Amino acid sequence: MIQRRCAMRLMTIKYPAWVCGAALLVAACTPQAVAPTPSAAPTASPSPTERTGISRTLLPADVRSLRRWNAAPDRVEIVADFAADVRPGSPRLRLDDGPTTPMTFTAGGRGFAEVGTIDISGVPSGEHRADVLVTLVDGTTALAGSASFLVSQPEYVVWTLDFEGDASGDAELANTAAIADGLKLPMSVFWNPRVWTTDQVSAERQDAMLAWTKGRMAKGDEVALHLHMWTDYVRAVGLVPRTTPSWAGRGDGYDVPITAYPGNEQQAMIGYGVKLMLQHGLPTPTSFRAGGDMGDAATLRAVAASGFTADCTAVARDAPPIGRIPYPWTLPAGAQPYRPSSTDANATGELALLEAPTIGGNTYAFTVQSIQPQIRANLGLFAPTGAVAAARKAITIVSHPGTIGAAERGAIEALLGAFGPLRYDADAGPVRFVTLAQLATAWAR
């Protein structure tokens, strides 16, 4: 009926001017979908990140530095705890009276927190202040709180352990591990592949030493390479062994410096050692030490050409003599890591290698009593307890897993334990225990 009435109405249209009216009638006669009544757009509430300012009642904040001691290349981390979300106040961090950097909101822990970090590269050593600033609802800037902290240059201790190519006993290996685990510090274990080229070390001892080394590696210790010029090892490389010059007159090559061989043969012996290590499941080493701390420019060129990034063969010129061969080193007492020259091992130069002189001493045959002067000398190289370090420094110390009996263990624990009041991991000072590989990475920054 609706459609018939609409048609009759349309038939009565006689003038074009009425077209619009007819169209309206059609629309009126057509069933329409019911549309929802439009409502007013909701008023958007400010999101927490809109910069509208905060009330002064939210101040002060609990502002703190996560560490008292901070050393490059680490960044200082500052946390500010508020009673509410203060993102509308654009919280920001300021070092001393310098420029500001935004902070990042995080929920949890104590409630509402803002976290910021400070790059201390180039920041002078000493005590510094971190301010947390916010914008209030009236547009002014307010101090939410401050925290003080210390900036220091880093100081490093590297404990290196040289396998000499002969057998090391289980008791001595256990003592070595107990020192590292007890003091919670890493080792750079310098493996000597000569054990696989001689019949003087039983298969049982080879396996036990290798298993111990792999166990240390699993704990995060570094595995490096140490070579003595044992005649059987040199023959295994395919070279003619030499027995002179020697620092002790043994006749088995152990005490022949690597410098007795030309550079190409030195590199061949290094390469063969790496090959044997890989064949026995050890990683490619990046740190090296030549036997007896004897080395020259040819040695360092061979080490660098073999892909190593760190060497610790060097000693200072005041190091106690090893025997009847004088050291080839002329470095000053307390010599620090350097990039050596390809033509002069005692000079800085262009080699892509960090030379970290072993200035911390050799613990062999020391006791708790006799090592005290060495402890004082090492501590004297670093900033005193409670003081920041103005310059970065490093001390490398050498021991031997095969000789660490009860007496030497006590001496080593006294020596390494003396750095306890300075330890960075205890937030007590700037001293970090690192491997030689880690030192090479840190020193390059």
Protein backbone atom coordinates (compact mmCIF):
# COMPACT_ATOMS: atom_id res chain seq x y z
CA MET A 1 0.00 0.00 0.00
CA ILE A 2 2.88 2.36 0.77
CA GLN A 3 4.37 1.83 -2.70
CA ARG A 4 0.87 2.32 -4.46
CA ARG A 5 0.22 5.62 -2.65
CA CYS A 6 3.72 6.84 -3.53
CA ALA A 7 3.17 5.99 -7.22
CA MET A 8 -0.19 7.84 -7.33
CA ARG A 9 1.39 10.94 -5.84
CA LEU A 10 4.22 10.86 -8.40
CA MET A 11 1.68 10.65 -11.29
CA THR A 12 0.17 13.98 -10.25
CA ILE A 13 3.47 15.82 -10.84
CA LYS A 14 2.89 18.22 -13.82
CA TYR A 15 5.60 20.85 -13.55
CA PRO A 16 9.43 20.39 -13.56
CA ALA A 17 9.75 22.85 -10.70
CA TRP A 18 8.13 20.25 -8.51
CA VAL A 19 10.92 17.68 -9.15
CA CYS A 20 12.61 18.43 -5.89
CA GLY A 21 9.37 17.96 -4.03
CA ALA A 22 8.82 14.65 -5.73
CA ALA A 23 12.26 13.53 -4.79
CA LEU A 24 11.54 14.36 -1.21
CA LEU A 25 8.33 12.33 -1.41
CA VAL A 26 10.27 9.33 -2.75
CA ALA A 27 12.74 9.62 0.05
CA ALA A 28 9.95 9.86 2.54
CA CYS A 29 8.28 6.76 1.15
CA THR A 30 11.44 4.65 1.14
CA PRO A 31 12.16 2.65 4.30
CA GLN A 32 15.16 4.21 6.13
CA ALA A 33 17.82 2.61 8.32
CA VAL A 34 17.83 4.01 11.82
CA ALA A 35 21.14 5.86 12.46
CA PRO A 36 22.42 6.37 16.00
CA THR A 37 22.06 9.82 17.36
CA PRO A 38 25.49 11.48 17.12
CA SER A 39 26.98 12.35 20.47
CA ALA A 40 29.48 15.01 21.32
CA ALA A 41 33.13 14.01 20.87
CA PRO A 42 34.63 13.01 24.20
CA THR A 43 37.08 15.41 25.69
CA ALA A 44 40.55 13.81 25.57
CA SER A 45 42.15 13.50 28.97
CA PRO A 46 45.85 14.36 29.12
CA SER A 47 48.04 11.29 28.66
CA PRO A 48 50.88 10.77 31.10
CA THR A 49 53.37 11.80 28.43
CA GLU A 50 51.76 15.17 27.59
CA ARG A 51 54.02 17.91 28.92
CA THR A 52 51.57 19.80 31.11
CA GLY A 53 53.60 20.01 34.30
CA ILE A 54 53.15 18.42 37.72
CA SER A 55 52.13 19.58 41.14
CA ARG A 56 54.81 20.65 43.58
CA THR A 57 53.25 18.28 46.10
CA LEU A 58 54.93 15.38 44.27
CA LEU A 59 58.33 16.69 45.36
CA PRO A 60 60.88 15.76 46.53
CA ALA A 61 61.80 12.48 44.87
CA ASP A 62 64.08 9.79 46.23
CA VAL A 63 67.08 10.28 43.92
CA ARG A 64 70.02 7.89 44.05
CA SER A 65 72.99 6.66 42.03
CA LEU A 66 73.05 2.90 41.62
CA ARG A 67 76.82 2.97 42.24
CA ARG A 68 79.06 5.11 44.40
CA TRP A 69 82.12 4.30 42.25
CA ASN A 70 81.94 4.76 38.51
CA ALA A 71 84.68 4.40 35.92
CA ALA A 72 84.72 4.77 32.16
CA PRO A 73 83.56 3.24 29.91
CA ASP A 74 80.58 2.53 32.18
CA ARG A 75 77.70 5.02 32.38
CA VAL A 76 76.36 6.33 35.66
CA GLU A 77 72.78 5.24 36.27
CA ILE A 78 70.51 7.53 38.29
CA VAL A 79 67.07 6.52 39.60
CA ALA A 80 64.42 8.92 40.88
CA ASP A 81 61.46 7.44 42.75
CA PHE A 82 58.25 9.52 42.84
CA ALA A 83 54.90 9.03 44.57
CA ALA A 84 53.09 9.23 41.21
CA ASP A 85 53.67 9.25 37.49
CA VAL A 86 55.53 12.49 36.74
CA ARG A 87 55.92 12.17 33.01
CA PRO A 88 53.81 15.32 32.45
CA GLY A 89 56.62 17.18 34.19
CA SER A 90 59.29 16.12 31.65
CA PRO A 91 61.75 14.72 34.22
CA ARG A 92 65.34 15.21 33.11
CA LEU A 93 68.81 14.63 34.39
CA ARG A 94 71.63 17.13 34.77
CA LEU A 95 75.30 16.43 35.54
CA ASP A 96 76.61 19.14 37.86
CA ASP A 97 75.45 22.36 36.17
CA GLY A 98 75.58 21.10 32.60
CA PRO A 99 72.90 20.42 29.99
CA THR A 100 69.98 18.12 30.69
CA THR A 101 68.98 14.79 29.17
CA PRO A 102 65.51 13.15 29.33
CA MET A 103 64.81 10.37 31.78
CA THR A 104 62.81 7.21 31.09
CA PHE A 105 59.68 6.19 32.99
CA THR A 106 59.47 2.77 34.59
CA ALA A 107 56.81 1.27 36.85
CA GLY A 108 57.46 -1.30 39.52
CA GLY A 109 59.88 -1.64 42.38
CA ARG A 110 59.25 1.29 44.70
CA GLY A 111 56.41 2.63 42.55
CA PHE A 112 56.90 5.27 39.90
CA ALA A 113 60.49 5.81 38.85
CA GLU A 114 62.44 7.75 36.29
CA VAL A 115 65.77 6.36 35.16
CA GLY A 116 68.59 8.22 33.44
CA THR A 117 72.20 7.54 32.51
CA ILE A 118 75.20 9.82 32.34
CA ASP A 119 78.09 9.37 29.93
CA ILE A 120 81.25 10.00 31.96
CA SER A 121 83.67 9.83 29.06
CA GLY A 122 85.84 12.87 29.49
CA VAL A 123 84.40 13.69 32.91
CA PRO A 124 87.25 14.49 35.32
CA SER A 125 87.90 12.19 38.25
CA GLY A 126 86.32 13.24 41.50
CA GLU A 127 82.93 13.65 43.15
CA HIS A 128 80.04 14.79 40.97
CA ARG A 129 76.36 15.62 41.40
CA ALA A 130 73.35 14.48 39.43
CA ASP A 131 70.20 16.65 39.62
CA VAL A 132 66.71 15.54 38.61
CA LEU A 133 64.63 18.44 37.29
CA VAL A 134 60.90 18.62 36.52
CA THR A 135 58.47 21.19 35.10
CA LEU A 136 55.65 22.34 37.38
CA VAL A 137 52.09 23.21 36.33
CA ASP A 138 52.96 26.90 36.36
CA GLY A 139 55.72 26.27 33.79
CA THR A 140 58.65 26.76 36.15
CA THR A 141 61.49 24.28 36.66
CA ALA A 142 61.95 22.61 40.04
CA LEU A 143 64.65 20.44 41.55
CA ALA A 144 63.20 17.03 42.45
CA GLY A 145 66.35 15.79 44.14
CA SER A 146 70.08 15.15 43.76
CA ALA A 147 72.58 12.34 44.18
CA SER A 148 76.37 12.39 44.43
CA PHE A 149 78.78 9.81 43.05
CA LEU A 150 82.46 9.33 42.29
CA VAL A 151 84.06 9.23 38.86
CA SER A 152 87.44 7.53 38.57
CA GLN A 153 89.67 6.29 35.86
CA PRO A 154 89.70 2.46 35.82
CA GLU A 155 92.50 0.39 37.32
CA TYR A 156 92.95 -3.20 36.16
CA VAL A 157 94.54 -6.34 37.59
CA VAL A 158 95.25 -9.29 35.28
CA TRP A 159 96.21 -12.63 36.81
CA THR A 160 97.93 -14.86 34.26
CA LEU A 161 98.69 -18.57 34.72
CA ASP A 162 101.44 -20.13 32.61
CA PHE A 163 101.48 -23.84 31.84
CA GLU A 164 105.14 -24.56 31.12
CA GLY A 165 104.72 -27.57 28.84
CA ASP A 166 105.40 -30.13 31.58
CA ALA A 167 103.00 -31.92 33.94
CA SER A 168 100.93 -30.11 36.55
CA GLY A 169 99.49 -32.09 39.44
CA ASP A 170 95.88 -32.26 40.57
CA ALA A 171 96.62 -30.68 43.94
CA GLU A 172 98.29 -27.67 42.37
CA LEU A 173 95.47 -27.27 39.85
CA ALA A 174 92.94 -27.45 42.67
CA ASN A 175 94.81 -24.74 44.59
CA THR A 176 94.85 -22.53 41.51
CA ALA A 177 91.12 -22.89 41.00
CA ALA A 178 90.42 -22.34 44.69
CA ILE A 179 92.21 -18.99 44.60
CA ALA A 180 90.18 -17.77 41.63
CA ASP A 181 86.88 -19.06 42.95
CA GLY A 182 87.49 -17.94 46.52
CA LEU A 183 88.42 -14.39 45.54
CA LYS A 184 85.90 -14.33 42.68
CA LEU A 185 88.27 -13.21 39.97
CA PRO A 186 89.01 -14.35 36.41
CA MET A 187 92.19 -15.94 35.13
CA SER A 188 94.03 -15.85 31.84
CA VAL A 189 95.16 -19.46 31.50
CA PHE A 190 98.15 -19.66 29.15
CA TRP A 191 98.09 -23.16 27.72
CA ASN A 192 101.33 -24.74 26.51
CA PRO A 193 100.78 -27.20 23.62
CA ARG A 194 104.17 -28.83 24.12
CA VAL A 195 102.45 -31.47 26.30
CA TRP A 196 101.18 -33.03 23.05
CA THR A 197 104.61 -33.26 21.40
CA THR A 198 106.52 -35.06 24.15
CA ASP A 199 106.55 -38.42 25.89
CA GLN A 200 107.55 -36.74 29.16
CA VAL A 201 103.91 -35.90 29.96
CA SER A 202 101.60 -38.91 30.29
CA ALA A 203 98.32 -39.11 28.46
CA GLU A 204 96.60 -39.13 31.84
CA ARG A 205 98.18 -35.80 32.83
CA GLN A 206 97.51 -34.33 29.42
CA ASP A 207 93.84 -35.19 29.73
CA ALA A 208 93.59 -33.96 33.32
CA MET A 209 95.21 -30.62 32.53
CA LEU A 210 93.11 -30.16 29.41
CA ALA A 211 89.90 -30.99 31.28
CA TRP A 212 90.82 -28.52 34.01
CA THR A 213 91.50 -25.81 31.42
CA LYS A 214 88.20 -26.43 29.66
CA GLY A 215 86.45 -26.30 33.02
CA ARG A 216 88.00 -22.91 33.71
CA MET A 217 86.99 -21.73 30.25
CA ALA A 218 83.40 -22.74 31.03
CA LYS A 219 83.57 -20.44 34.06
CA GLY A 220 84.57 -17.51 31.89
CA ASP A 221 88.34 -17.66 32.16
CA GLU A 222 90.47 -16.85 29.13
CA VAL A 223 92.55 -19.54 27.38
CA ALA A 224 95.71 -18.07 25.89
CA LEU A 225 98.99 -19.40 24.42
CA HIS A 226 102.38 -19.76 26.13
CA LEU A 227 105.44 -21.18 24.41
CA HIS A 228 108.84 -22.37 25.57
CA MET A 229 111.33 -23.58 22.99
CA TRP A 230 111.39 -27.23 24.09
CA THR A 231 113.46 -29.13 21.53
CA ASP A 232 110.76 -31.78 21.00
CA TYR A 233 108.20 -29.08 20.33
CA VAL A 234 110.47 -27.31 17.84
CA ARG A 235 111.03 -30.60 16.01
CA ALA A 236 107.29 -31.24 15.89
CA VAL A 237 106.88 -27.90 14.16
CA GLY A 238 109.39 -29.10 11.55
CA LEU A 239 112.25 -26.82 12.57
CA VAL A 240 115.80 -27.45 13.77
CA PRO A 241 115.93 -26.98 17.56
CA ARG A 242 118.55 -24.89 19.32
CA THR A 243 119.96 -25.25 22.78
CA THR A 244 121.81 -21.95 22.96
CA PRO A 245 121.67 -19.29 24.09
CA SER A 246 119.96 -20.36 27.30
CA TRP A 247 119.34 -18.71 30.61
CA ALA A 248 119.89 -21.82 32.74
CA GLY A 249 121.97 -24.25 30.60
CA ARG A 250 119.37 -27.05 30.73
CA GLY A 251 119.91 -28.44 27.25
CA ASP A 252 116.26 -29.32 26.54
CA GLY A 253 115.35 -26.00 24.95
CA TYR A 254 113.03 -24.91 27.75
CA ASP A 255 115.37 -22.05 28.64
CA VAL A 256 116.15 -20.96 25.09
CA PRO A 257 114.47 -17.64 24.29
CA ILE A 258 112.16 -17.49 21.31
CA THR A 259 114.37 -14.67 20.06
CA ALA A 260 117.02 -17.28 19.20
CA TYR A 261 114.89 -18.11 16.15
CA PRO A 262 114.21 -15.84 13.16
CA GLY A 263 110.84 -14.17 12.88
CA ASN A 264 109.40 -16.58 10.32
CA GLU A 265 110.23 -19.55 12.56
CA GLN A 266 108.75 -17.80 15.58
CA GLN A 267 105.52 -17.33 13.66
CA ALA A 268 105.58 -20.98 12.56
CA MET A 269 105.87 -22.14 16.19
CA ILE A 270 103.04 -19.85 17.24
CA GLY A 271 100.84 -21.08 14.40
CA TYR A 272 101.54 -24.73 15.21
CA GLY A 273 100.60 -24.16 18.83
CA VAL A 274 97.28 -22.62 17.83
CA LYS A 275 96.64 -25.55 15.49
CA LEU A 276 97.18 -28.08 18.28
CA MET A 277 94.91 -26.17 20.63
CA LEU A 278 92.09 -26.15 18.09
CA GLN A 279 92.55 -29.87 17.42
CA HIS A 280 92.02 -30.53 21.14
CA GLY A 281 88.89 -28.45 21.49
CA LEU A 282 90.37 -25.23 22.84
CA PRO A 283 89.40 -21.86 21.36
CA THR A 284 91.60 -19.75 19.13
CA PRO A 285 93.73 -17.75 21.58
CA THR A 286 94.10 -13.99 21.30
CA SER A 287 96.71 -13.47 24.06
CA PHE A 288 100.33 -14.63 24.06
CA ARG A 289 103.40 -14.79 26.29
CA ALA A 290 106.82 -16.06 25.26
CA GLY A 291 108.78 -18.25 27.65
CA GLY A 292 111.01 -16.53 30.16
CA ASP A 293 109.52 -13.13 29.25
CA MET A 294 111.99 -13.01 26.38
CA GLY A 295 110.85 -11.25 23.22
CA ASP A 296 111.81 -8.62 20.71
CA ALA A 297 110.33 -6.73 17.78
CA ALA A 298 110.42 -9.85 15.60
CA THR A 299 108.44 -11.69 18.29
CA LEU A 300 105.78 -9.01 18.49
CA ARG A 301 105.52 -8.85 14.71
CA ALA A 302 104.99 -12.62 14.63
CA VAL A 303 102.41 -12.44 17.41
CA ALA A 304 100.47 -9.66 15.68
CA ALA A 305 100.70 -11.36 12.28
CA SER A 306 99.25 -14.51 13.87
CA GLY A 307 96.07 -12.66 14.79
CA PHE A 308 96.71 -12.06 18.48
CA THR A 309 95.46 -8.85 20.06
CA ALA A 310 97.41 -8.90 23.34
CA ASP A 311 100.86 -9.89 24.57
CA CYS A 312 102.35 -9.84 28.07
CA THR A 313 105.92 -10.98 27.39
CA ALA A 314 107.45 -7.65 28.38
CA VAL A 315 108.78 -6.80 31.84
CA ALA A 316 110.22 -3.61 33.26
CA ARG A 317 113.98 -3.12 33.24
CA ASP A 318 114.10 -3.51 37.03
CA ALA A 319 112.59 -7.03 36.95
CA PRO A 320 114.69 -9.64 38.79
CA PRO A 321 116.91 -11.47 36.27
CA ILE A 322 115.74 -14.89 35.15
CA GLY A 323 119.25 -16.25 34.62
CA ARG A 324 122.38 -15.55 32.69
CA ILE A 325 120.63 -13.89 29.73
CA PRO A 326 119.66 -10.26 30.34
CA TYR A 327 116.15 -9.19 29.54
CA PRO A 328 115.78 -7.40 26.21
CA TRP A 329 113.37 -4.92 27.80
CA THR A 330 114.20 -1.34 28.72
CA LEU A 331 110.76 -0.31 29.94
CA PRO A 332 110.56 1.87 33.06
CA ALA A 333 109.32 0.59 36.40
CA GLY A 334 105.54 0.43 36.43
CA ALA A 335 105.38 0.48 32.61
CA GLN A 336 101.81 0.61 31.36
CA PRO A 337 100.18 -1.13 28.37
CA TYR A 338 101.10 0.30 24.98
CA ARG A 339 100.90 -0.37 21.25
CA PRO A 340 104.44 -1.44 20.31
CA SER A 341 106.50 -0.49 17.32
CA SER A 342 107.19 -3.13 14.67
CA THR A 343 110.88 -2.23 14.81
CA ASP A 344 111.40 -1.63 18.54
CA ALA A 345 109.55 -3.73 21.10
CA ASN A 346 110.29 -1.15 23.79
CA ALA A 347 108.77 1.77 21.90
CA THR A 348 105.23 2.72 21.02
CA GLY A 349 104.27 2.26 17.40
CA GLU A 350 101.81 0.92 14.90
CA LEU A 351 101.34 -2.79 15.67
CA ALA A 352 97.72 -3.86 16.15
CA LEU A 353 98.65 -5.44 19.46
CA LEU A 354 98.44 -4.40 23.09
CA GLU A 355 101.62 -5.06 25.05
CA ALA A 356 100.74 -5.37 28.75
CA PRO A 357 104.04 -5.65 30.65
CA THR A 358 104.11 -8.10 33.53
CA ILE A 359 104.93 -5.53 36.19
CA GLY A 360 103.07 -7.18 39.07
CA GLY A 361 105.71 -9.83 39.60
CA ASN A 362 106.06 -13.60 39.46
CA THR A 363 104.62 -15.40 42.47
CA TYR A 364 106.83 -18.48 42.08
CA ALA A 365 108.32 -19.71 45.39
CA PHE A 366 106.88 -16.85 47.45
CA THR A 367 105.24 -17.18 50.85
CA VAL A 368 102.81 -14.91 52.65
CA GLN A 369 105.74 -13.27 54.43
CA SER A 370 108.14 -12.92 51.51
CA ILE A 371 105.57 -11.50 49.10
CA GLN A 372 104.76 -8.48 51.29
CA PRO A 373 107.19 -6.11 49.49
CA GLN A 374 105.59 -7.12 46.18
CA ILE A 375 102.16 -6.37 47.61
CA ARG A 376 103.27 -2.92 48.73
CA ALA A 377 104.85 -2.20 45.35
CA ASN A 378 101.70 -3.17 43.48
CA LEU A 379 99.39 -1.18 45.73
CA GLY A 380 101.73 1.77 45.37
CA LEU A 381 100.98 1.89 41.64
CA PHE A 382 97.28 2.44 42.22
CA ALA A 383 95.30 5.19 43.91
CA PRO A 384 95.09 4.78 47.70
CA THR A 385 92.03 3.25 49.31
CA GLY A 386 89.10 5.64 49.05
CA ALA A 387 90.78 7.88 46.48
CA VAL A 388 89.80 8.19 42.83
CA ALA A 389 92.35 7.42 40.11
CA ALA A 390 93.35 10.29 37.86
CA ALA A 391 94.80 8.00 35.17
CA ARG A 392 93.95 4.47 34.07
CA LYS A 393 96.52 1.83 34.99
CA ALA A 394 97.03 -1.92 34.75
CA ILE A 395 99.02 -4.52 36.63
CA THR A 396 99.73 -7.96 35.17
CA ILE A 397 100.82 -10.75 37.53
CA VAL A 398 102.11 -14.21 36.57
CA SER A 399 101.86 -17.55 38.37
CA HIS A 400 102.20 -21.17 37.26
CA PRO A 401 99.52 -23.83 37.89
CA GLY A 402 102.17 -26.52 38.24
CA THR A 403 103.90 -24.90 41.22
CA ILE A 404 101.06 -23.57 43.38
CA GLY A 405 101.44 -25.56 46.55
CA ALA A 406 100.12 -24.52 49.93
CA ALA A 407 102.80 -21.89 50.57
CA GLU A 408 102.53 -20.20 47.18
CA ARG A 409 98.75 -20.36 47.35
CA GLY A 410 98.87 -18.36 50.55
CA ALA A 411 101.20 -15.84 48.94
CA ILE A 412 98.94 -15.40 45.91
CA GLU A 413 95.83 -15.05 48.05
CA ALA A 414 97.59 -12.36 50.08
CA LEU A 415 98.70 -10.54 46.94
CA LEU A 416 95.41 -10.62 45.07
CA GLY A 417 93.37 -10.21 48.24
CA ALA A 418 95.20 -6.97 49.01
CA PHE A 419 93.21 -5.31 46.23
CA GLY A 420 89.94 -6.11 48.04
CA PRO A 421 89.41 -2.61 49.52
CA LEU A 422 89.75 -1.19 45.99
CA ARG A 423 87.47 -3.53 44.08
CA TYR A 424 85.01 -2.10 41.60
CA ASP A 425 82.64 -5.08 41.75
CA ALA A 426 82.20 -4.39 45.47
CA ASP A 427 81.58 -0.67 44.74
CA ALA A 428 84.63 0.07 46.91
CA GLY A 429 87.07 1.52 44.37
CA PRO A 430 88.23 1.59 40.75
CA VAL A 431 90.07 -1.77 40.56
CA ARG A 432 88.71 -4.37 38.18
CA PHE A 433 90.02 -7.92 37.82
CA VAL A 434 89.96 -8.78 34.11
CA THR A 435 91.48 -11.22 31.66
CA LEU A 436 94.18 -10.07 29.28
CA ALA A 437 91.72 -10.23 26.39
CA GLN A 438 89.31 -8.02 28.34
CA LEU A 439 92.11 -5.58 29.09
CA ALA A 440 92.93 -5.32 25.37
CA THR A 441 89.30 -4.50 24.63
CA ALA A 442 88.99 -1.97 27.45
CA TRP A 443 92.30 -0.28 26.62
CA ALA A 444 91.21 0.27 23.03
CA ARG A 445 88.24 2.42 24.10
